Amino acid sequence: MAVDFSTHHDPARVSCTATVETHGQTGVEMEALTAVQVALLTIYDMCKAVDRGMTINGVKLMEKHGGKSGSFVAG
């Protein structure tokens, strides 16, 4: 698993991406989504003294390959 961040200045925001790979039979989408949420909640906790109006939004599955349901790429 890898969790990566990028910052943007106008408007001020942080993007977080989790990349997960498995060789098992079950998917790891939930683990990837959880990793992103926990990472963003940690950033919120560290920055809340500066801006309590921050929001966490747009968390979604971007891409998935394999498993019973096949491939998915967000449009």
PDB file of N, CA and C in Angstrom:
ATOM      1  N   MET A   1       0.841  -1.168   0.000  1.00  0.00           N
ATOM      2  CA  MET A   1       0.000   0.000   0.000  1.00  0.00           C
ATOM      3  C   MET A   1       0.885   1.229   0.000  1.00  0.00           C
ATOM      4  N   ALA A   2       0.478   2.227  -0.771  1.00  0.00           N
ATOM      5  CA  ALA A   2       1.154   3.524  -0.776  1.00  0.00           C
ATOM      6  C   ALA A   2       0.094   4.603  -0.622  1.00  0.00           C
ATOM      7  N   VAL A   3       0.373   5.592   0.212  1.00  0.00           N
ATOM      8  CA  VAL A   3      -0.514   6.740   0.383  1.00  0.00           C
ATOM      9  C   VAL A   3       0.287   7.971  -0.008  1.00  0.00           C
ATOM     10  N   ASP A   4      -0.204   8.698  -0.993  1.00  0.00           N
ATOM     11  CA  ASP A   4       0.504   9.866  -1.515  1.00  0.00           C
ATOM     12  C   ASP A   4      -0.352  11.115  -1.371  1.00  0.00           C
ATOM     13  N   PHE A   5       0.323  12.248  -1.157  1.00  0.00           N
ATOM     14  CA  PHE A   5      -0.346  13.533  -0.996  1.00  0.00           C
ATOM     15  C   PHE A   5       0.169  14.513  -2.030  1.00  0.00           C
ATOM     16  N   SER A   6      -0.690  15.442  -2.414  1.00  0.00           N
ATOM     17  CA  SER A   6      -0.260  16.600  -3.198  1.00  0.00           C
ATOM     18  C   SER A   6      -1.029  17.808  -2.681  1.00  0.00           C
ATOM     19  N   THR A   7      -0.364  18.960  -2.685  1.00  0.00           N
ATOM     20  CA  THR A   7      -1.002  20.185  -2.211  1.00  0.00           C
ATOM     21  C   THR A   7      -1.254  21.115  -3.387  1.00  0.00           C
ATOM     22  N   HIS A   8      -2.288  21.911  -3.236  1.00  0.00           N
ATOM     23  CA  HIS A   8      -2.689  22.870  -4.260  1.00  0.00           C
ATOM     24  C   HIS A   8      -2.968  24.189  -3.547  1.00  0.00           C
ATOM     25  N   HIS A   9      -2.678  25.295  -4.216  1.00  0.00           N
ATOM     26  CA  HIS A   9      -2.756  26.582  -3.526  1.00  0.00           C
ATOM     27  C   HIS A   9      -3.971  27.428  -3.878  1.00  0.00           C
ATOM     28  N   ASP A  10      -4.599  27.243  -5.021  1.00  0.00           N
ATOM     29  CA  ASP A  10      -5.707  28.121  -5.382  1.00  0.00           C
ATOM     30  C   ASP A  10      -6.832  27.326  -6.017  1.00  0.00           C
ATOM     31  N   PRO A  11      -7.808  26.892  -5.258  1.00  0.00           N
ATOM     32  CA  PRO A  11      -7.976  27.104  -3.825  1.00  0.00           C
ATOM     33  C   PRO A  11      -7.091  26.150  -3.020  1.00  0.00           C
ATOM     34  N   ALA A  12      -6.855  26.508  -1.768  1.00  0.00           N
ATOM     35  CA  ALA A  12      -5.988  25.702  -0.895  1.00  0.00           C
ATOM     36  C   ALA A  12      -6.650  24.354  -0.634  1.00  0.00           C
ATOM     37  N   ARG A  13      -5.922  23.280  -0.955  1.00  0.00           N
ATOM     38  CA  ARG A  13      -6.461  21.943  -0.715  1.00  0.00           C
ATOM     39  C   ARG A  13      -5.332  20.919  -0.727  1.00  0.00           C
ATOM     40  N   VAL A  14      -5.646  19.757  -0.205  1.00  0.00           N
ATOM     41  CA  VAL A  14      -4.729  18.618  -0.198  1.00  0.00           C
ATOM     42  C   VAL A  14      -5.431  17.463  -0.893  1.00  0.00           C
ATOM     43  N   SER A  15      -4.745  16.804  -1.794  1.00  0.00           N
ATOM     44  CA  SER A  15      -5.269  15.601  -2.439  1.00  0.00           C
ATOM     45  C   SER A  15      -4.525  14.396  -1.882  1.00  0.00           C
ATOM     46  N   CYS A  16      -5.252  13.309  -1.719  1.00  0.00           N
ATOM     47  CA  CYS A  16      -4.662  12.085  -1.172  1.00  0.00           C
ATOM     48  C   CYS A  16      -5.065  10.914  -2.059  1.00  0.00           C
ATOM     49  N   THR A  17      -4.091  10.081  -2.391  1.00  0.00           N
ATOM     50  CA  THR A  17      -4.335   8.896  -3.205  1.00  0.00           C
ATOM     51  C   THR A  17      -3.727   7.685  -2.513  1.00  0.00           C
ATOM     52  N   ALA A  18      -4.512   6.619  -2.399  1.00  0.00           N
ATOM     53  CA  ALA A  18      -4.002   5.356  -1.866  1.00  0.00           C
ATOM     54  C   ALA A  18      -3.959   4.352  -3.012  1.00  0.00           C
ATOM     55  N   THR A  19      -2.838   3.681  -3.157  1.00  0.00           N
ATOM     56  CA  THR A  19      -2.669   2.649  -4.173  1.00  0.00           C
ATOM     57  C   THR A  19      -2.436   1.329  -3.456  1.00  0.00           C
ATOM     58  N   VAL A  20      -3.254   0.337  -3.784  1.00  0.00           N
ATOM     59  CA  VAL A  20      -3.202  -0.948  -3.086  1.00  0.00           C
ATOM     60  C   VAL A  20      -3.158  -2.062  -4.123  1.00  0.00           C
ATOM     61  N   GLU A  21      -2.376  -3.082  -3.835  1.00  0.00           N
ATOM     62  CA  GLU A  21      -2.293  -4.239  -4.723  1.00  0.00           C
ATOM     63  C   GLU A  21      -2.333  -5.494  -3.878  1.00  0.00           C
ATOM     64  N   THR A  22      -3.025  -6.499  -4.376  1.00  0.00           N
ATOM     65  CA  THR A  22      -3.088  -7.772  -3.668  1.00  0.00           C
ATOM     66  C   THR A  22      -3.023  -8.918  -4.675  1.00  0.00           C
ATOM     67  N   HIS A  23      -2.622 -10.056  -4.182  1.00  0.00           N
ATOM     68  CA  HIS A  23      -2.625 -11.265  -4.997  1.00  0.00           C
ATOM     69  C   HIS A  23      -3.703 -12.218  -4.494  1.00  0.00           C
ATOM     70  N   GLY A  24      -4.476 -11.755  -3.516  1.00  0.00           N
ATOM     71  CA  GLY A  24      -5.538 -12.569  -2.934  1.00  0.00           C
ATOM     72  C   GLY A  24      -6.802 -12.546  -3.770  1.00  0.00           C
ATOM     73  N   GLN A  25      -7.793 -13.313  -3.323  1.00  0.00           N
ATOM     74  CA  GLN A  25      -9.057 -13.456  -4.043  1.00  0.00           C
ATOM     75  C   GLN A  25      -9.994 -12.272  -3.828  1.00  0.00           C
ATOM     76  N   THR A  26      -9.856 -11.589  -2.704  1.00  0.00           N
ATOM     77  CA  THR A  26     -10.777 -10.497  -2.416  1.00  0.00           C
ATOM     78  C   THR A  26     -10.141  -9.162  -2.757  1.00  0.00           C
ATOM     79  N   GLY A  27     -10.992  -8.201  -3.047  1.00  0.00           N
ATOM     80  CA  GLY A  27     -10.518  -6.865  -3.386  1.00  0.00           C
ATOM     81  C   GLY A  27     -10.084  -6.092  -2.153  1.00  0.00           C
ATOM     82  N   VAL A  28      -9.408  -5.004  -2.388  1.00  0.00           N
ATOM     83  CA  VAL A  28      -8.919  -4.174  -1.283  1.00  0.00           C
ATOM     84  C   VAL A  28      -9.415  -2.731  -1.422  1.00  0.00           C
ATOM     85  N   GLU A  29     -10.564  -2.568  -2.097  1.00  0.00           N
ATOM     86  CA  GLU A  29     -11.110  -1.224  -2.259  1.00  0.00           C
ATOM     87  C   GLU A  29     -11.406  -0.564  -0.920  1.00  0.00           C
ATOM     88  N   MET A  30     -12.008  -1.308  -0.006  1.00  0.00           N
ATOM     89  CA  MET A  30     -12.371  -0.733   1.295  1.00  0.00           C
ATOM     90  C   MET A  30     -11.132  -0.308   2.071  1.00  0.00           C
ATOM     91  N   GLU A  31     -10.069  -1.067   1.974  1.00  0.00           N
ATOM     92  CA  GLU A  31      -8.830  -0.705   2.653  1.00  0.00           C
ATOM     93  C   GLU A  31      -8.247   0.576   2.071  1.00  0.00           C
ATOM     94  N   ALA A  32      -8.297   0.716   0.750  1.00  0.00           N
ATOM     95  CA  ALA A  32      -7.788   1.927   0.103  1.00  0.00           C
ATOM     96  C   ALA A  32      -8.621   3.138   0.495  1.00  0.00           C
ATOM     97  N   LEU A  33      -9.945   3.007   0.467  1.00  0.00           N
ATOM     98  CA  LEU A  33     -10.822   4.115   0.857  1.00  0.00           C
ATOM     99  C   LEU A  33     -10.621   4.490   2.323  1.00  0.00           C
ATOM    100  N   THR A  34     -10.444   3.497   3.177  1.00  0.00           N
ATOM    101  CA  THR A  34     -10.200   3.762   4.596  1.00  0.00           C
ATOM    102  C   THR A  34      -8.874   4.479   4.795  1.00  0.00           C
ATOM    103  N   ALA A  35      -7.849   4.074   4.071  1.00  0.00           N
ATOM    104  CA  ALA A  35      -6.536   4.721   4.183  1.00  0.00           C
ATOM    105  C   ALA A  35      -6.626   6.198   3.828  1.00  0.00           C
ATOM    106  N   VAL A  36      -7.350   6.520   2.763  1.00  0.00           N
ATOM    107  CA  VAL A  36      -7.502   7.921   2.359  1.00  0.00           C
ATOM    108  C   VAL A  36      -8.254   8.704   3.426  1.00  0.00           C
ATOM    109  N   GLN A  37      -9.354   8.148   3.926  1.00  0.00           N
ATOM    110  CA  GLN A  37     -10.145   8.857   4.942  1.00  0.00           C
ATOM    111  C   GLN A  37      -9.338   9.103   6.213  1.00  0.00           C
ATOM    112  N   VAL A  38      -8.612   8.106   6.680  1.00  0.00           N
ATOM    113  CA  VAL A  38      -7.807   8.269   7.898  1.00  0.00           C
ATOM    114  C   VAL A  38      -6.709   9.300   7.673  1.00  0.00           C
ATOM    115  N   ALA A  39      -6.070   9.269   6.518  1.00  0.00           N
ATOM    116  CA  ALA A  39      -5.023  10.255   6.219  1.00  0.00           C
ATOM    117  C   ALA A  39      -5.596  11.666   6.216  1.00  0.00           C
ATOM    118  N   LEU A  40      -6.759  11.854   5.581  1.00  0.00           N
ATOM    119  CA  LEU A  40      -7.363  13.185   5.528  1.00  0.00           C
ATOM    120  C   LEU A  40      -7.882  13.632   6.891  1.00  0.00           C
ATOM    121  N   LEU A  41      -8.405  12.715   7.686  1.00  0.00           N
ATOM    122  CA  LEU A  41      -8.825  13.062   9.049  1.00  0.00           C
ATOM    123  C   LEU A  41      -7.635  13.479   9.903  1.00  0.00           C
ATOM    124  N   THR A  42      -6.494  12.858   9.691  1.00  0.00           N
ATOM    125  CA  THR A  42      -5.277  13.237  10.416  1.00  0.00           C
ATOM    126  C   THR A  42      -4.855  14.654  10.046  1.00  0.00           C
ATOM    127  N   ILE A  43      -4.904  14.979   8.765  1.00  0.00           N
ATOM    128  CA  ILE A  43      -4.579  16.342   8.333  1.00  0.00           C
ATOM    129  C   ILE A  43      -5.573  17.329   8.921  1.00  0.00           C
ATOM    130  N   TYR A  44      -6.855  16.978   8.913  1.00  0.00           N
ATOM    131  CA  TYR A  44      -7.869  17.851   9.512  1.00  0.00           C
ATOM    132  C   TYR A  44      -7.539  18.116  10.979  1.00  0.00           C
ATOM    133  N   ASP A  45      -7.214  17.070  11.707  1.00  0.00           N
ATOM    134  CA  ASP A  45      -6.907  17.204  13.130  1.00  0.00           C
ATOM    135  C   ASP A  45      -5.717  18.130  13.354  1.00  0.00           C
ATOM    136  N   MET A  46      -4.712  18.038  12.504  1.00  0.00           N
ATOM    137  CA  MET A  46      -3.523  18.886  12.658  1.00  0.00           C
ATOM    138  C   MET A  46      -3.794  20.339  12.272  1.00  0.00           C
ATOM    139  N   CYS A  47      -4.762  20.580  11.383  1.00  0.00           N
ATOM    140  CA  CYS A  47      -4.989  21.934  10.857  1.00  0.00           C
ATOM    141  C   CYS A  47      -6.230  22.622  11.422  1.00  0.00           C
ATOM    142  N   LYS A  48      -7.009  21.934  12.255  1.00  0.00           N
ATOM    143  CA  LYS A  48      -8.277  22.501  12.711  1.00  0.00           C
ATOM    144  C   LYS A  48      -8.119  23.789  13.512  1.00  0.00           C
ATOM    145  N   ALA A  49      -6.984  24.010  14.140  1.00  0.00           N
ATOM    146  CA  ALA A  49      -6.770  25.255  14.879  1.00  0.00           C
ATOM    147  C   ALA A  49      -6.692  26.447  13.930  1.00  0.00           C
ATOM    148  N   VAL A  50      -6.322  26.200  12.693  1.00  0.00           N
ATOM    149  CA  VAL A  50      -6.199  27.270  11.698  1.00  0.00           C
ATOM    150  C   VAL A  50      -7.522  27.500  10.972  1.00  0.00           C
ATOM    151  N   ASP A  51      -8.239  26.407  10.643  1.00  0.00           N
ATOM    152  CA  ASP A  51      -9.476  26.537   9.865  1.00  0.00           C
ATOM    153  C   ASP A  51     -10.431  25.399  10.201  1.00  0.00           C
ATOM    154  N   ARG A  52     -11.420  25.686  11.026  1.00  0.00           N
ATOM    155  CA  ARG A  52     -12.409  24.659  11.373  1.00  0.00           C
ATOM    156  C   ARG A  52     -13.448  24.464  10.276  1.00  0.00           C
ATOM    157  N   GLY A  53     -13.409  25.289   9.250  1.00  0.00           N
ATOM    158  CA  GLY A  53     -14.356  25.177   8.150  1.00  0.00           C
ATOM    159  C   GLY A  53     -13.904  24.247   7.043  1.00  0.00           C
ATOM    160  N   MET A  54     -12.806  23.541   7.264  1.00  0.00           N
ATOM    161  CA  MET A  54     -12.311  22.606   6.244  1.00  0.00           C
ATOM    162  C   MET A  54     -13.348  21.513   5.993  1.00  0.00           C
ATOM    163  N   THR A  55     -13.343  20.981   4.795  1.00  0.00           N
ATOM    164  CA  THR A  55     -14.213  19.853   4.473  1.00  0.00           C
ATOM    165  C   THR A  55     -13.392  18.734   3.842  1.00  0.00           C
ATOM    166  N   ILE A  56     -13.884  17.536   4.011  1.00  0.00           N
ATOM    167  CA  ILE A  56     -13.323  16.369   3.325  1.00  0.00           C
ATOM    168  C   ILE A  56     -14.381  15.944   2.323  1.00  0.00           C
ATOM    169  N   ASN A  57     -14.038  15.964   1.046  1.00  0.00           N
ATOM    170  CA  ASN A  57     -15.025  15.584   0.040  1.00  0.00           C
ATOM    171  C   ASN A  57     -14.343  14.969  -1.174  1.00  0.00           C
ATOM    172  N   GLY A  58     -15.164  14.386  -2.016  1.00  0.00           N
ATOM    173  CA  GLY A  58     -14.649  13.819  -3.253  1.00  0.00           C
ATOM    174  C   GLY A  58     -13.890  12.518  -3.089  1.00  0.00           C
ATOM    175  N   VAL A  59     -14.053  11.838  -1.959  1.00  0.00           N
ATOM    176  CA  VAL A  59     -13.371  10.552  -1.770  1.00  0.00           C
ATOM    177  C   VAL A  59     -14.120   9.505  -2.589  1.00  0.00           C
ATOM    178  N   LYS A  60     -13.406   8.869  -3.508  1.00  0.00           N
ATOM    179  CA  LYS A  60     -14.057   7.886  -4.371  1.00  0.00           C
ATOM    180  C   LYS A  60     -13.047   6.882  -4.910  1.00  0.00           C
ATOM    181  N   LEU A  61     -13.564   5.753  -5.327  1.00  0.00           N
ATOM    182  CA  LEU A  61     -12.751   4.740  -5.992  1.00  0.00           C
ATOM    183  C   LEU A  61     -12.473   5.221  -7.410  1.00  0.00           C
ATOM    184  N   MET A  62     -11.206   5.301  -7.765  1.00  0.00           N
ATOM    185  CA  MET A  62     -10.826   5.800  -9.086  1.00  0.00           C
ATOM    186  C   MET A  62     -10.634   4.674 -10.101  1.00  0.00           C
ATOM    187  N   GLU A  63     -10.095   3.547  -9.634  1.00  0.00           N
ATOM    188  CA  GLU A  63      -9.762   2.483 -10.571  1.00  0.00           C
ATOM    189  C   GLU A  63      -9.639   1.171  -9.822  1.00  0.00           C
ATOM    190  N   LYS A  64     -10.099   0.080 -10.462  1.00  0.00           N
ATOM    191  CA  LYS A  64     -10.007  -1.249  -9.872  1.00  0.00           C
ATOM    192  C   LYS A  64      -9.892  -2.251 -11.007  1.00  0.00           C
ATOM    193  N   HIS A  65      -9.048  -3.254 -10.812  1.00  0.00           N
ATOM    194  CA  HIS A  65      -8.894  -4.299 -11.824  1.00  0.00           C
ATOM    195  C   HIS A  65      -8.898  -5.657 -11.143  1.00  0.00           C
ATOM    196  N   GLY A  66      -9.515  -6.631 -11.786  1.00  0.00           N
ATOM    197  CA  GLY A  66      -9.537  -7.991 -11.273  1.00  0.00           C
ATOM    198  C   GLY A  66     -10.720  -8.249 -10.362  1.00  0.00           C
ATOM    199  N   GLY A  67     -10.719  -9.415  -9.764  1.00  0.00           N
ATOM    200  CA  GLY A  67     -11.796  -9.800  -8.865  1.00  0.00           C
ATOM    201  C   GLY A  67     -13.036 -10.249  -9.616  1.00  0.00           C
ATOM    202  N   LYS A  68     -14.055 -10.622  -8.851  1.00  0.00           N
ATOM    203  CA  LYS A  68     -15.289 -11.136  -9.442  1.00  0.00           C
ATOM    204  C   LYS A  68     -16.030 -10.101 -10.274  1.00  0.00           C
ATOM    205  N   SER A  69     -15.944  -8.833  -9.866  1.00  0.00           N
ATOM    206  CA  SER A  69     -16.703  -7.797 -10.576  1.00  0.00           C
ATOM    207  C   SER A  69     -15.934  -7.193 -11.748  1.00  0.00           C
ATOM    208  N   GLY A  70     -14.720  -7.635 -11.982  1.00  0.00           N
ATOM    209  CA  GLY A  70     -13.955  -7.157 -13.128  1.00  0.00           C
ATOM    210  C   GLY A  70     -13.338  -5.789 -12.916  1.00  0.00           C
ATOM    211  N   SER A  71     -13.084  -5.094 -14.007  1.00  0.00           N
ATOM    212  CA  SER A  71     -12.404  -3.800 -13.953  1.00  0.00           C
ATOM    213  C   SER A  71     -13.393  -2.649 -13.827  1.00  0.00           C
ATOM    214  N   PHE A  72     -12.924  -1.558 -13.225  1.00  0.00           N
ATOM    215  CA  PHE A  72     -13.700  -0.326 -13.085  1.00  0.00           C
ATOM    216  C   PHE A  72     -12.740   0.846 -13.191  1.00  0.00           C
ATOM    217  N   VAL A  73     -13.098   1.833 -13.985  1.00  0.00           N
ATOM    218  CA  VAL A  73     -12.351   3.084 -14.067  1.00  0.00           C
ATOM    219  C   VAL A  73     -13.370   4.207 -13.966  1.00  0.00           C
ATOM    220  N   ALA A  74     -13.184   5.100 -12.986  1.00  0.00           N
ATOM    221  CA  ALA A  74     -14.128   6.202 -12.788  1.00  0.00           C
ATOM    222  C   ALA A  74     -14.155   7.096 -14.014  1.00  0.00           C
ATOM    223  N   GLY A  75     -15.346   7.549 -14.369  1.00  0.00           N
ATOM    224  CA  GLY A  75     -15.504   8.395 -15.551  1.00  0.00           C
ATOM    225  C   GLY A  75     -15.443   9.860 -15.278  1.00  0.00           C
TER     226      GLY A  75
END
